[in-house]
Amino acid sequence: MTIPVYSDPCHMPCPDLPHHSLTKEDKERGLEKLQQVRAQVREGMLSSLRKEYEQAESSYQRALINQRAKRIKRNWS
């Protein structure tokens, strides 16, 4: 029994469901959208940290905020 391929798949999650496979264009578009969403989330988190940094009174609090910002940049890039 052969399985008909409906498009040129670059990713097949399940060989029994070829019509659910992603084309190369679909995968590229999805990865681009994922990158945009990650950038939006990162900027949202960093903007709140910037406000918090401006309101911080001690250098210790600012150092902690800087560490959190670096972690966010590293994890969400």
Protein backbone atom coordinates (compact mmCIF):
# COMPACT_ATOMS: atom_id res chain seq x y z
CA MET A 1 0.00 0.00 0.00
CA THR A 2 1.43 3.34 -0.98
CA ILE A 3 0.56 6.64 0.58
CA PRO A 4 -0.18 9.46 -1.85
CA VAL A 5 1.79 12.65 -1.26
CA TYR A 6 -0.31 15.77 -1.74
CA SER A 7 2.55 18.27 -1.66
CA ASP A 8 6.31 18.24 -1.44
CA PRO A 9 6.69 17.73 2.31
CA CYS A 10 9.70 18.90 4.22
CA HIS A 11 8.28 17.62 7.50
CA MET A 12 6.01 14.63 8.00
CA PRO A 13 4.75 14.24 11.55
CA CYS A 14 3.01 10.98 10.81
CA PRO A 15 3.37 8.74 7.76
CA ASP A 16 -0.31 7.81 8.01
CA LEU A 17 -1.41 11.42 7.54
CA PRO A 18 0.41 12.80 4.49
CA HIS A 19 -2.18 15.54 4.02
CA HIS A 20 -1.04 17.02 7.36
CA SER A 21 2.55 17.41 6.21
CA LEU A 22 4.09 20.86 5.96
CA THR A 23 5.45 22.26 2.75
CA LYS A 24 8.76 24.06 2.79
CA GLU A 25 6.98 27.42 2.40
CA ASP A 26 4.62 26.65 5.30
CA LYS A 27 7.53 25.72 7.53
CA GLU A 28 9.50 28.86 6.59
CA ARG A 29 6.45 31.07 7.17
CA GLY A 30 5.82 29.42 10.54
CA LEU A 31 9.43 29.84 11.63
CA GLU A 32 9.39 33.51 10.60
CA LYS A 33 6.19 34.07 12.57
CA LEU A 34 7.68 32.28 15.57
CA GLN A 35 10.71 34.55 15.39
CA GLN A 36 8.46 37.63 15.30
CA VAL A 37 6.45 36.46 18.30
CA ARG A 38 9.59 35.69 20.29
CA ALA A 39 10.91 39.20 19.53
CA GLN A 40 7.61 40.76 20.64
CA VAL A 41 7.58 38.79 23.89
CA ARG A 42 11.24 39.66 24.53
CA GLU A 43 10.60 43.38 23.95
CA GLY A 44 7.54 43.32 26.20
CA MET A 45 9.50 41.75 29.02
CA LEU A 46 12.45 44.11 28.54
CA SER A 47 10.25 47.22 28.45
CA SER A 48 8.81 46.37 31.86
CA LEU A 49 12.35 45.80 33.16
CA ARG A 50 13.42 49.20 31.80
CA LYS A 51 10.66 50.89 33.78
CA GLU A 52 11.63 48.92 36.86
CA TYR A 53 15.29 49.89 36.33
CA GLU A 54 14.40 53.60 36.21
CA GLN A 55 12.50 53.29 39.49
CA ALA A 56 15.20 51.26 41.24
CA GLU A 57 16.88 53.16 44.02
CA SER A 58 19.92 51.06 44.86
CA SER A 59 22.74 49.85 42.67
CA TYR A 60 22.08 46.31 43.97
CA GLN A 61 18.52 46.38 42.57
CA ARG A 62 19.83 47.70 39.26
CA ALA A 63 22.41 44.92 39.10
CA LEU A 64 19.68 42.32 39.66
CA ILE A 65 17.56 43.89 36.93
CA ASN A 66 20.56 43.86 34.57
CA GLN A 67 21.05 40.15 35.25
CA ARG A 68 17.39 39.45 34.52
CA ALA A 69 17.59 41.48 31.30
CA LYS A 70 20.66 39.56 30.14
CA ARG A 71 18.92 36.27 30.90
CA ILE A 72 15.85 37.35 28.94
CA LYS A 73 17.97 38.40 25.96
CA ARG A 74 19.86 35.11 26.05
CA ASN A 75 16.77 32.91 26.40
CA TRP A 76 14.45 34.76 24.01
CA SER A 77 16.87 35.43 21.13
